[in-house]
PDB file of N, CA and C in Angstrom:
ATOM      1  N   UNK A   1     206.684  26.590 134.742  1.00  0.00           N
ATOM      2  CA  UNK A   1     206.953  25.552 135.815  1.00  0.00           C
ATOM      3  C   UNK A   1     207.245  26.575 136.880  1.00  0.00           C
ATOM      4  N   UNK A   2     207.740  27.832 136.522  1.00  0.00           N
ATOM      5  CA  UNK A   2     208.163  29.048 137.395  1.00  0.00           C
ATOM      6  C   UNK A   2     206.941  28.856 138.011  1.00  0.00           C
ATOM      7  N   UNK A   3     205.752  29.237 137.823  1.00  0.00           N
ATOM      8  CA  UNK A   3     204.129  29.197 138.125  1.00  0.00           C
ATOM      9  C   UNK A   3     204.119  28.001 139.146  1.00  0.00           C
ATOM     10  N   UNK A   4     204.508  27.137 138.434  1.00  0.00           N
ATOM     11  CA  UNK A   4     203.869  25.495 139.563  1.00  0.00           C
ATOM     12  C   UNK A   4     204.972  25.494 140.443  1.00  0.00           C
ATOM     13  N   UNK A   5     206.338  26.072 140.707  1.00  0.00           N
ATOM     14  CA  UNK A   5     206.929  25.518 142.252  1.00  0.00           C
ATOM     15  C   UNK A   5     205.989  27.240 142.934  1.00  0.00           C
ATOM     16  N   UNK A   6     206.055  28.177 142.378  1.00  0.00           N
ATOM     17  CA  UNK A   6     205.394  29.127 143.033  1.00  0.00           C
ATOM     18  C   UNK A   6     204.354  29.074 143.686  1.00  0.00           C
ATOM     19  N   UNK A   7     202.974  28.013 143.163  1.00  0.00           N
ATOM     20  CA  UNK A   7     201.869  27.864 143.282  1.00  0.00           C
ATOM     21  C   UNK A   7     201.851  27.288 144.362  1.00  0.00           C
ATOM     22  N   UNK A   8     202.793  26.144 144.515  1.00  0.00           N
ATOM     23  CA  UNK A   8     203.087  25.147 145.514  1.00  0.00           C
ATOM     24  C   UNK A   8     204.436  26.015 147.033  1.00  0.00           C
ATOM     25  N   UNK A   9     204.556  27.032 146.749  1.00  0.00           N
ATOM     26  CA  UNK A   9     204.987  27.598 147.832  1.00  0.00           C
ATOM     27  C   UNK A   9     207.178  27.930 147.823  1.00  0.00           C
ATOM     28  N   UNK A  10     207.399  27.355 147.392  1.00  0.00           N
ATOM     29  CA  UNK A  10     208.960  27.588 146.445  1.00  0.00           C
ATOM     30  C   UNK A  10     209.081  28.329 146.592  1.00  0.00           C
ATOM     31  N   UNK A  11     210.457  29.046 146.702  1.00  0.00           N
ATOM     32  CA  UNK A  11     210.905  30.019 146.430  1.00  0.00           C
ATOM     33  C   UNK A  11     212.423  29.717 145.273  1.00  0.00           C
ATOM     34  N   UNK A  12     212.024  30.482 144.299  1.00  0.00           N
ATOM     35  CA  UNK A  12     213.445  30.352 143.463  1.00  0.00           C
ATOM     36  C   UNK A  12     214.677  30.959 143.404  1.00  0.00           C
ATOM     37  N   UNK A  13     216.045  30.406 143.475  1.00  0.00           N
ATOM     38  CA  UNK A  13     217.137  30.713 143.713  1.00  0.00           C
ATOM     39  C   UNK A  13     217.847  30.399 142.620  1.00  0.00           C
ATOM     40  N   UNK A  14     218.681  31.153 142.268  1.00  0.00           N
ATOM     41  CA  UNK A  14     219.644  30.967 141.224  1.00  0.00           C
ATOM     42  C   UNK A  14     220.932  31.689 141.245  1.00  0.00           C
ATOM     43  N   UNK A  15     221.652  30.596 141.447  1.00  0.00           N
ATOM     44  CA  UNK A  15     223.600  31.672 141.272  1.00  0.00           C
ATOM     45  C   UNK A  15     223.507  32.652 140.427  1.00  0.00           C
ATOM     46  N   UNK A  16     223.028  32.022 138.851  1.00  0.00           N
ATOM     47  CA  UNK A  16     223.298  32.850 137.466  1.00  0.00           C
ATOM     48  C   UNK A  16     222.262  31.828 137.095  1.00  0.00           C
ATOM     49  N   UNK A  17     221.173  33.105 137.160  1.00  0.00           N
ATOM     50  CA  UNK A  17     220.155  32.575 136.356  1.00  0.00           C
ATOM     51  C   UNK A  17     220.415  32.552 135.173  1.00  0.00           C
ATOM     52  N   UNK A  18     219.828  31.398 134.113  1.00  0.00           N
ATOM     53  CA  UNK A  18     219.403  30.836 133.080  1.00  0.00           C
ATOM     54  C   UNK A  18     220.633  30.582 132.587  1.00  0.00           C
ATOM     55  N   UNK A  19     221.433  29.832 133.425  1.00  0.00           N
ATOM     56  CA  UNK A  19     222.716  29.112 132.969  1.00  0.00           C
ATOM     57  C   UNK A  19     223.136  27.965 133.326  1.00  0.00           C
ATOM     58  N   UNK A  20     223.357  27.168 132.498  1.00  0.00           N
ATOM     59  CA  UNK A  20     223.334  25.955 132.659  1.00  0.00           C
ATOM     60  C   UNK A  20     223.414  25.198 134.601  1.00  0.00           C
ATOM     61  N   UNK A  21     224.702  25.680 135.098  1.00  0.00           N
ATOM     62  CA  UNK A  21     225.084  25.462 136.207  1.00  0.00           C
ATOM     63  C   UNK A  21     224.095  26.164 137.093  1.00  0.00           C
ATOM     64  N   UNK A  22     223.546  26.673 137.392  1.00  0.00           N
ATOM     65  CA  UNK A  22     222.357  27.743 137.898  1.00  0.00           C
ATOM     66  C   UNK A  22     222.623  26.731 139.468  1.00  0.00           C
ATOM     67  N   UNK A  23     222.261  25.880 139.557  1.00  0.00           N
ATOM     68  CA  UNK A  23     221.946  25.177 140.969  1.00  0.00           C
ATOM     69  C   UNK A  23     222.751  24.069 141.037  1.00  0.00           C
ATOM     70  N   UNK A  24     223.704  24.105 141.406  1.00  0.00           N
ATOM     71  CA  UNK A  24     224.504  23.332 141.858  1.00  0.00           C
ATOM     72  C   UNK A  24     223.580  22.030 142.917  1.00  0.00           C
ATOM     73  N   UNK A  25     223.688  22.332 144.253  1.00  0.00           N
ATOM     74  CA  UNK A  25     222.414  21.814 144.626  1.00  0.00           C
ATOM     75  C   UNK A  25     221.966  20.202 144.056  1.00  0.00           C
ATOM     76  N   UNK A  26     220.966  21.109 143.397  1.00  0.00           N
ATOM     77  CA  UNK A  26     220.271  20.477 142.496  1.00  0.00           C
ATOM     78  C   UNK A  26     220.575  19.683 141.209  1.00  0.00           C
ATOM     79  N   UNK A  27     221.637  20.318 141.078  1.00  0.00           N
ATOM     80  CA  UNK A  27     222.394  18.937 139.730  1.00  0.00           C
ATOM     81  C   UNK A  27     223.121  17.868 140.844  1.00  0.00           C
ATOM     82  N   UNK A  28     223.410  18.209 141.735  1.00  0.00           N
ATOM     83  CA  UNK A  28     224.059  17.689 142.307  1.00  0.00           C
ATOM     84  C   UNK A  28     223.265  15.974 142.998  1.00  0.00           C
ATOM     85  N   UNK A  29     222.169  16.988 143.501  1.00  0.00           N
ATOM     86  CA  UNK A  29     221.147  15.434 143.678  1.00  0.00           C
ATOM     87  C   UNK A  29     220.158  14.802 142.485  1.00  0.00           C
ATOM     88  N   UNK A  30     220.374  15.218 141.227  1.00  0.00           N
ATOM     89  CA  UNK A  30     220.164  14.566 139.904  1.00  0.00           C
ATOM     90  C   UNK A  30     220.868  14.089 139.515  1.00  0.00           C
ATOM     91  N   UNK A  31     222.302  13.833 140.005  1.00  0.00           N
ATOM     92  CA  UNK A  31     223.326  12.724 139.762  1.00  0.00           C
ATOM     93  C   UNK A  31     223.352  12.155 140.342  1.00  0.00           C
ATOM     94  N   UNK A  32     223.460  11.907 141.334  1.00  0.00           N
ATOM     95  CA  UNK A  32     223.142  11.108 142.240  1.00  0.00           C
ATOM     96  C   UNK A  32     222.279   9.735 141.966  1.00  0.00           C
ATOM     97  N   UNK A  33     220.866  10.260 141.555  1.00  0.00           N
ATOM     98  CA  UNK A  33     219.774   9.398 140.639  1.00  0.00           C
ATOM     99  C   UNK A  33     220.076   9.150 139.311  1.00  0.00           C
ATOM    100  N   UNK A  34     220.503   9.612 138.448  1.00  0.00           N
ATOM    101  CA  UNK A  34     221.228   9.062 137.199  1.00  0.00           C
ATOM    102  C   UNK A  34     222.129   8.677 137.453  1.00  0.00           C
ATOM    103  N   UNK A  35     222.805   8.410 138.438  1.00  0.00           N
ATOM    104  CA  UNK A  35     223.873   6.761 138.545  1.00  0.00           C
ATOM    105  C   UNK A  35     223.483   5.743 139.284  1.00  0.00           C
ATOM    106  N   UNK A  36     222.385   6.264 140.048  1.00  0.00           N
ATOM    107  CA  UNK A  36     221.915   4.723 140.769  1.00  0.00           C
ATOM    108  C   UNK A  36     221.806   4.009 140.370  1.00  0.00           C
ATOM    109  N   UNK A  37     222.073   2.699 140.681  1.00  0.00           N
ATOM    110  CA  UNK A  37     221.426   1.178 139.723  1.00  0.00           C
ATOM    111  C   UNK A  37     219.812   1.224 140.206  1.00  0.00           C
ATOM    112  N   UNK A  38     219.139   1.077 138.291  1.00  0.00           N
ATOM    113  CA  UNK A  38     218.499   0.184 138.182  1.00  0.00           C
ATOM    114  C   UNK A  38     217.243   1.897 137.983  1.00  0.00           C
ATOM    115  N   UNK A  39     217.668   3.001 137.608  1.00  0.00           N
ATOM    116  CA  UNK A  39     217.335   4.607 137.220  1.00  0.00           C
ATOM    117  C   UNK A  39     216.898   3.748 136.091  1.00  0.00           C
ATOM    118  N   UNK A  40     215.564   4.151 135.377  1.00  0.00           N
ATOM    119  CA  UNK A  40     214.848   4.137 134.164  1.00  0.00           C
ATOM    120  C   UNK A  40     215.357   3.865 133.336  1.00  0.00           C
ATOM    121  N   UNK A  41     215.780   5.209 133.302  1.00  0.00           N
ATOM    122  CA  UNK A  41     216.328   6.814 131.958  1.00  0.00           C
ATOM    123  C   UNK A  41     214.888   6.762 131.144  1.00  0.00           C
ATOM    124  N   UNK A  42     213.612   6.038 131.015  1.00  0.00           N
ATOM    125  CA  UNK A  42     213.092   6.899 130.445  1.00  0.00           C
ATOM    126  C   UNK A  42     211.636   6.376 131.321  1.00  0.00           C
ATOM    127  N   UNK A  43     210.946   6.729 131.007  1.00  0.00           N
ATOM    128  CA  UNK A  43     209.286   6.163 131.976  1.00  0.00           C
ATOM    129  C   UNK A  43     208.204   6.290 130.913  1.00  0.00           C
ATOM    130  N   UNK A  44     207.802   5.153 131.104  1.00  0.00           N
ATOM    131  CA  UNK A  44     206.727   4.930 130.559  1.00  0.00           C
ATOM    132  C   UNK A  44     205.670   5.948 130.110  1.00  0.00           C
ATOM    133  N   UNK A  45     204.567   6.141 131.578  1.00  0.00           N
ATOM    134  CA  UNK A  45     203.692   6.661 132.450  1.00  0.00           C
ATOM    135  C   UNK A  45     204.030   7.633 132.868  1.00  0.00           C
ATOM    136  N   UNK A  46     203.309   9.065 133.575  1.00  0.00           N
ATOM    137  CA  UNK A  46     203.548  10.020 134.932  1.00  0.00           C
ATOM    138  C   UNK A  46     203.820   9.334 135.943  1.00  0.00           C
ATOM    139  N   UNK A  47     202.710   8.308 136.097  1.00  0.00           N
ATOM    140  CA  UNK A  47     202.476   7.653 137.825  1.00  0.00           C
ATOM    141  C   UNK A  47     203.573   6.565 138.063  1.00  0.00           C
ATOM    142  N   UNK A  48     204.308   5.719 136.969  1.00  0.00           N
ATOM    143  CA  UNK A  48     206.113   5.119 137.263  1.00  0.00           C
ATOM    144  C   UNK A  48     207.130   6.006 137.583  1.00  0.00           C
ATOM    145  N   UNK A  49     207.061   7.403 137.263  1.00  0.00           N
ATOM    146  CA  UNK A  49     207.618   8.284 137.282  1.00  0.00           C
ATOM    147  C   UNK A  49     207.895   8.677 138.673  1.00  0.00           C
ATOM    148  N   UNK A  50     206.356   8.761 139.343  1.00  0.00           N
ATOM    149  CA  UNK A  50     205.815   9.371 140.465  1.00  0.00           C
ATOM    150  C   UNK A  50     206.409   8.488 141.434  1.00  0.00           C
ATOM    151  N   UNK A  51     206.129   6.875 141.002  1.00  0.00           N
ATOM    152  CA  UNK A  51     206.523   5.976 141.896  1.00  0.00           C
ATOM    153  C   UNK A  51     207.904   5.831 142.419  1.00  0.00           C
ATOM    154  N   UNK A  52     208.794   6.064 141.342  1.00  0.00           N
ATOM    155  CA  UNK A  52     210.320   6.187 141.226  1.00  0.00           C
ATOM    156  C   UNK A  52     210.270   7.268 142.280  1.00  0.00           C
ATOM    157  N   UNK A  53     210.407   8.267 141.945  1.00  0.00           N
ATOM    158  CA  UNK A  53     210.684   9.170 142.634  1.00  0.00           C
ATOM    159  C   UNK A  53     210.612   8.979 144.294  1.00  0.00           C
ATOM    160  N   UNK A  54     208.749   8.180 144.266  1.00  0.00           N
ATOM    161  CA  UNK A  54     208.597   8.371 145.935  1.00  0.00           C
ATOM    162  C   UNK A  54     209.628   7.493 146.475  1.00  0.00           C
ATOM    163  N   UNK A  55     209.912   6.426 146.056  1.00  0.00           N
ATOM    164  CA  UNK A  55     211.290   5.525 146.811  1.00  0.00           C
ATOM    165  C   UNK A  55     211.719   5.482 146.729  1.00  0.00           C
ATOM    166  N   UNK A  56     212.649   6.749 145.555  1.00  0.00           N
ATOM    167  CA  UNK A  56     213.959   7.091 145.402  1.00  0.00           C
ATOM    168  C   UNK A  56     213.832   8.236 146.585  1.00  0.00           C
ATOM    169  N   UNK A  57     213.243   8.817 146.810  1.00  0.00           N
ATOM    170  CA  UNK A  57     213.386  10.448 147.954  1.00  0.00           C
ATOM    171  C   UNK A  57     213.163   9.713 149.281  1.00  0.00           C
ATOM    172  N   UNK A  58     212.903   8.086 149.814  1.00  0.00           N
ATOM    173  CA  UNK A  58     213.179   8.075 150.534  1.00  0.00           C
ATOM    174  C   UNK A  58     214.563   7.721 150.984  1.00  0.00           C
ATOM    175  N   UNK A  59     214.632   6.609 149.948  1.00  0.00           N
ATOM    176  CA  UNK A  59     215.876   5.893 149.753  1.00  0.00           C
ATOM    177  C   UNK A  59     217.053   7.258 150.193  1.00  0.00           C
ATOM    178  N   UNK A  60     217.065   8.077 149.062  1.00  0.00           N
ATOM    179  CA  UNK A  60     217.782   9.067 149.548  1.00  0.00           C
ATOM    180  C   UNK A  60     217.962  10.084 150.762  1.00  0.00           C
ATOM    181  N   UNK A  61     216.690  10.023 151.142  1.00  0.00           N
ATOM    182  CA  UNK A  61     216.116  11.021 153.020  1.00  0.00           C
ATOM    183  C   UNK A  61     217.472   9.516 153.781  1.00  0.00           C
ATOM    184  N   UNK A  62     216.983   8.099 153.865  1.00  0.00           N
ATOM    185  CA  UNK A  62     217.201   7.666 154.309  1.00  0.00           C
ATOM    186  C   UNK A  62     218.214   6.377 154.684  1.00  0.00           C
ATOM    187  N   UNK A  63     218.915   6.302 153.648  1.00  0.00           N
ATOM    188  CA  UNK A  63     219.433   5.799 153.512  1.00  0.00           C
ATOM    189  C   UNK A  63     221.138   5.814 152.499  1.00  0.00           C
ATOM    190  N   UNK A  64     220.725   6.597 152.340  1.00  0.00           N
ATOM    191  CA  UNK A  64     222.169   7.447 151.098  1.00  0.00           C
ATOM    192  C   UNK A  64     223.098   8.096 152.168  1.00  0.00           C
ATOM    193  N   UNK A  65     223.870   7.571 152.397  1.00  0.00           N
ATOM    194  CA  UNK A  65     225.082   8.038 152.873  1.00  0.00           C
ATOM    195  C   UNK A  65     226.343   9.264 152.632  1.00  0.00           C
ATOM    196  N   UNK A  66     226.369  10.753 153.349  1.00  0.00           N
ATOM    197  CA  UNK A  66     226.683  11.630 152.648  1.00  0.00           C
ATOM    198  C   UNK A  66     227.702  11.927 153.014  1.00  0.00           C
ATOM    199  N   UNK A  67     228.592  11.762 152.519  1.00  0.00           N
ATOM    200  CA  UNK A  67     230.223  12.542 152.825  1.00  0.00           C
ATOM    201  C   UNK A  67     230.256  13.702 154.084  1.00  0.00           C
ATOM    202  N   UNK A  68     229.362  14.691 153.816  1.00  0.00           N
ATOM    203  CA  UNK A  68     229.442  15.949 154.653  1.00  0.00           C
ATOM    204  C   UNK A  68     228.962  15.865 155.845  1.00  0.00           C
ATOM    205  N   UNK A  69     228.152  14.858 155.920  1.00  0.00           N
ATOM    206  CA  UNK A  69     227.993  14.572 157.125  1.00  0.00           C
ATOM    207  C   UNK A  69     228.050  13.103 157.741  1.00  0.00           C
ATOM    208  N   UNK A  70     229.346  13.482 158.260  1.00  0.00           N
ATOM    209  CA  UNK A  70     230.070  11.782 158.234  1.00  0.00           C
ATOM    210  C   UNK A  70     229.244  11.060 157.968  1.00  0.00           C
ATOM    211  N   UNK A  71     229.068  10.428 156.669  1.00  0.00           N
ATOM    212  CA  UNK A  71     228.707   9.385 156.461  1.00  0.00           C
ATOM    213  C   UNK A  71     227.261   9.161 156.840  1.00  0.00           C
ATOM    214  N   UNK A  72     226.140   9.189 157.786  1.00  0.00           N
ATOM    215  CA  UNK A  72     225.473   9.187 157.776  1.00  0.00           C
ATOM    216  C   UNK A  72     224.242   9.621 157.009  1.00  0.00           C
ATOM    217  N   UNK A  73     223.033   8.893 157.348  1.00  0.00           N
ATOM    218  CA  UNK A  73     221.316   9.394 155.578  1.00  0.00           C
ATOM    219  C   UNK A  73     221.134  10.673 157.088  1.00  0.00           C
ATOM    220  N   UNK A  74     220.862  12.098 156.285  1.00  0.00           N
ATOM    221  CA  UNK A  74     220.187  13.016 156.826  1.00  0.00           C
ATOM    222  C   UNK A  74     218.906  12.535 158.114  1.00  0.00           C
ATOM    223  N   UNK A  75     218.234  11.551 157.518  1.00  0.00           N
ATOM    224  CA  UNK A  75     217.202  10.736 158.932  1.00  0.00           C
ATOM    225  C   UNK A  75     218.096  10.732 160.211  1.00  0.00           C
ATOM    226  N   UNK A  76     219.403   9.672 159.726  1.00  0.00           N
ATOM    227  CA  UNK A  76     219.892   9.741 161.326  1.00  0.00           C
ATOM    228  C   UNK A  76     220.567  10.728 161.648  1.00  0.00           C
ATOM    229  N   UNK A  77     221.062  11.803 161.064  1.00  0.00           N
ATOM    230  CA  UNK A  77     221.438  12.951 161.706  1.00  0.00           C
ATOM    231  C   UNK A  77     220.873  13.462 161.980  1.00  0.00           C
ATOM    232  N   UNK A  78     219.409  14.115 161.724  1.00  0.00           N
ATOM    233  CA  UNK A  78     218.319  13.926 162.202  1.00  0.00           C
ATOM    234  C   UNK A  78     217.757  14.120 163.956  1.00  0.00           C
ATOM    235  N   UNK A  79     217.990  12.465 163.902  1.00  0.00           N
ATOM    236  CA  UNK A  79     217.617  11.628 164.804  1.00  0.00           C
ATOM    237  C   UNK A  79     218.400  12.177 166.041  1.00  0.00           C
ATOM    238  N   UNK A  80     219.995  12.228 165.523  1.00  0.00           N
ATOM    239  CA  UNK A  80     221.532  12.343 166.175  1.00  0.00           C
ATOM    240  C   UNK A  80     221.743  12.985 165.658  1.00  0.00           C
ATOM    241  N   UNK A  81     222.407  14.547 165.287  1.00  0.00           N
ATOM    242  CA  UNK A  81     222.570  15.290 165.019  1.00  0.00           C
ATOM    243  C   UNK A  81     224.348  15.541 165.795  1.00  0.00           C
ATOM    244  N   UNK A  82     224.867  14.765 165.742  1.00  0.00           N
ATOM    245  CA  UNK A  82     226.142  14.851 165.858  1.00  0.00           C
ATOM    246  C   UNK A  82     226.739  14.130 165.595  1.00  0.00           C
ATOM    247  N   UNK A  83     228.277  14.212 165.377  1.00  0.00           N
ATOM    248  CA  UNK A  83     229.061  13.319 164.099  1.00  0.00           C
ATOM    249  C   UNK A  83     229.952  12.641 165.179  1.00  0.00           C
ATOM    250  N   UNK A  84     229.866  11.458 164.854  1.00  0.00           N
ATOM    251  CA  UNK A  84     230.270  10.554 165.527  1.00  0.00           C
ATOM    252  C   UNK A  84     232.275  11.654 165.524  1.00  0.00           C
ATOM    253  N   UNK A  85     233.053  11.750 166.386  1.00  0.00           N
ATOM    254  CA  UNK A  85     234.000  11.227 166.925  1.00  0.00           C
ATOM    255  C   UNK A  85     234.929  10.813 166.203  1.00  0.00           C
ATOM    256  N   UNK A  86     236.218  11.407 165.522  1.00  0.00           N
ATOM    257  CA  UNK A  86     236.889  10.183 165.117  1.00  0.00           C
ATOM    258  C   UNK A  86     238.040   9.263 166.348  1.00  0.00           C
ATOM    259  N   UNK A  87     238.530   8.314 165.570  1.00  0.00           N
ATOM    260  CA  UNK A  87     238.962   7.112 166.824  1.00  0.00           C
ATOM    261  C   UNK A  87     240.471   8.301 167.153  1.00  0.00           C
ATOM    262  N   UNK A  88     240.582   7.821 168.223  1.00  0.00           N
ATOM    263  CA  UNK A  88     242.040   8.362 168.962  1.00  0.00           C
ATOM    264  C   UNK A  88     242.921   8.256 168.768  1.00  0.00           C
ATOM    265  N   UNK A  89     242.901   6.806 167.932  1.00  0.00           N
ATOM    266  CA  UNK A  89     244.348   5.627 168.015  1.00  0.00           C
ATOM    267  C   UNK A  89     243.857   5.246 166.334  1.00  0.00           C
ATOM    268  N   UNK A  90     244.975   5.368 165.279  1.00  0.00           N
ATOM    269  CA  UNK A  90     244.262   4.484 163.878  1.00  0.00           C
ATOM    270  C   UNK A  90     245.808   4.345 163.479  1.00  0.00           C
ATOM    271  N   UNK A  91     245.511   3.203 163.214  1.00  0.00           N
ATOM    272  CA  UNK A  91     246.969   2.673 162.544  1.00  0.00           C
ATOM    273  C   UNK A  91     246.920   1.100 161.898  1.00  0.00           C
ATOM    274  N   UNK A  92     247.744   0.747 161.326  1.00  0.00           N
ATOM    275  CA  UNK A  92     247.485  -0.627 160.756  1.00  0.00           C
ATOM    276  C   UNK A  92     248.455  -1.334 162.117  1.00  0.00           C
ATOM    277  N   UNK A  93     247.559  -2.612 161.901  1.00  0.00           N
ATOM    278  CA  UNK A  93     247.961  -3.485 163.370  1.00  0.00           C
ATOM    279  C   UNK A  93     248.390  -2.961 164.212  1.00  0.00           C
ATOM    280  N   UNK A  94     247.423  -2.431 165.184  1.00  0.00           N
ATOM    281  CA  UNK A  94     247.779  -0.878 166.080  1.00  0.00           C
ATOM    282  C   UNK A  94     247.105  -2.683 166.823  1.00  0.00           C
ATOM    283  N   UNK A  95     248.180  -2.782 168.102  1.00  0.00           N
ATOM    284  CA  UNK A  95     248.089  -3.660 169.058  1.00  0.00           C
ATOM    285  C   UNK A  95     246.843  -3.529 170.158  1.00  0.00           C
ATOM    286  N   UNK A  96     245.905  -4.353 170.311  1.00  0.00           N
ATOM    287  CA  UNK A  96     245.311  -3.979 171.427  1.00  0.00           C
ATOM    288  C   UNK A  96     245.410  -3.744 172.383  1.00  0.00           C
ATOM    289  N   UNK A  97     244.711  -3.557 173.527  1.00  0.00           N
ATOM    290  CA  UNK A  97     245.341  -2.688 175.140  1.00  0.00           C
ATOM    291  C   UNK A  97     245.272  -4.139 175.600  1.00  0.00           C
ATOM    292  N   UNK A  98     244.704  -5.565 175.044  1.00  0.00           N
ATOM    293  CA  UNK A  98     245.126  -6.456 175.739  1.00  0.00           C
ATOM    294  C   UNK A  98     246.494  -6.899 175.643  1.00  0.00           C
ATOM    295  N   UNK A  99     246.652  -6.954 174.430  1.00  0.00           N
ATOM    296  CA  UNK A  99     248.259  -7.358 174.116  1.00  0.00           C
ATOM    297  C   UNK A  99     249.488  -6.272 174.023  1.00  0.00           C
ATOM    298  N   UNK A 100     248.884  -5.086 174.473  1.00  0.00           N
ATOM    299  CA  UNK A 100     250.150  -4.250 175.238  1.00  0.00           C
ATOM    300  C   UNK A 100     249.776  -4.602 176.708  1.00  0.00           C
ATOM    301  N   UNK A 101     248.993  -4.985 177.151  1.00  0.00           N
ATOM    302  CA  UNK A 101     249.546  -5.068 179.111  1.00  0.00           C
ATOM    303  C   UNK A 101     250.182  -6.735 178.939  1.00  0.00           C
ATOM    304  N   UNK A 102     250.055  -7.504 178.302  1.00  0.00           N
ATOM    305  CA  UNK A 102     250.949  -9.019 178.094  1.00  0.00           C
ATOM    306  C   UNK A 102     251.727  -9.173 178.015  1.00  0.00           C
ATOM    307  N   UNK A 103     252.061  -7.957 177.211  1.00  0.00           N
ATOM    308  CA  UNK A 103     254.034  -7.691 176.427  1.00  0.00           C
ATOM    309  C   UNK A 103     254.604  -6.841 177.466  1.00  0.00           C
ATOM    310  N   UNK A 104     254.066  -5.741 178.457  1.00  0.00           N
ATOM    311  CA  UNK A 104     253.981  -5.638 179.503  1.00  0.00           C
ATOM    312  C   UNK A 104     254.441  -6.183 180.829  1.00  0.00           C
ATOM    313  N   UNK A 105     253.887  -7.712 180.303  1.00  0.00           N
ATOM    314  CA  UNK A 105     253.811  -8.015 181.884  1.00  0.00           C
ATOM    315  C   UNK A 105     255.163  -9.545 181.995  1.00  0.00           C
ATOM    316  N   UNK A 106     255.234  -9.651 180.465  1.00  0.00           N
ATOM    317  CA  UNK A 106     256.220 -10.102 180.168  1.00  0.00           C
ATOM    318  C   UNK A 106     257.633 -10.468 180.167  1.00  0.00           C
TER     319      UNK A 106
END
């Protein structure tokens, strides 16, 4: 596996080599894949796995919302890399500006 990755220009990094939790980022991505509805658990042939992963990567990058980047997809963030600003006023049953003006006029 190491040789295959290196032949494609992938640089290996491990915070603790040969330990089950050596790459938390890839483990997080794999967990997202495993718990996504429709994950087949077993692929009958290699081509089925490739097809599934190609579709999964598109979904992961274009539709999956990330809490770390303001609940937007990476594709959206790269088009507009500014996180939305929080709302100015937040509350339950906050009257609209029109309602407030009507109350003051009465």
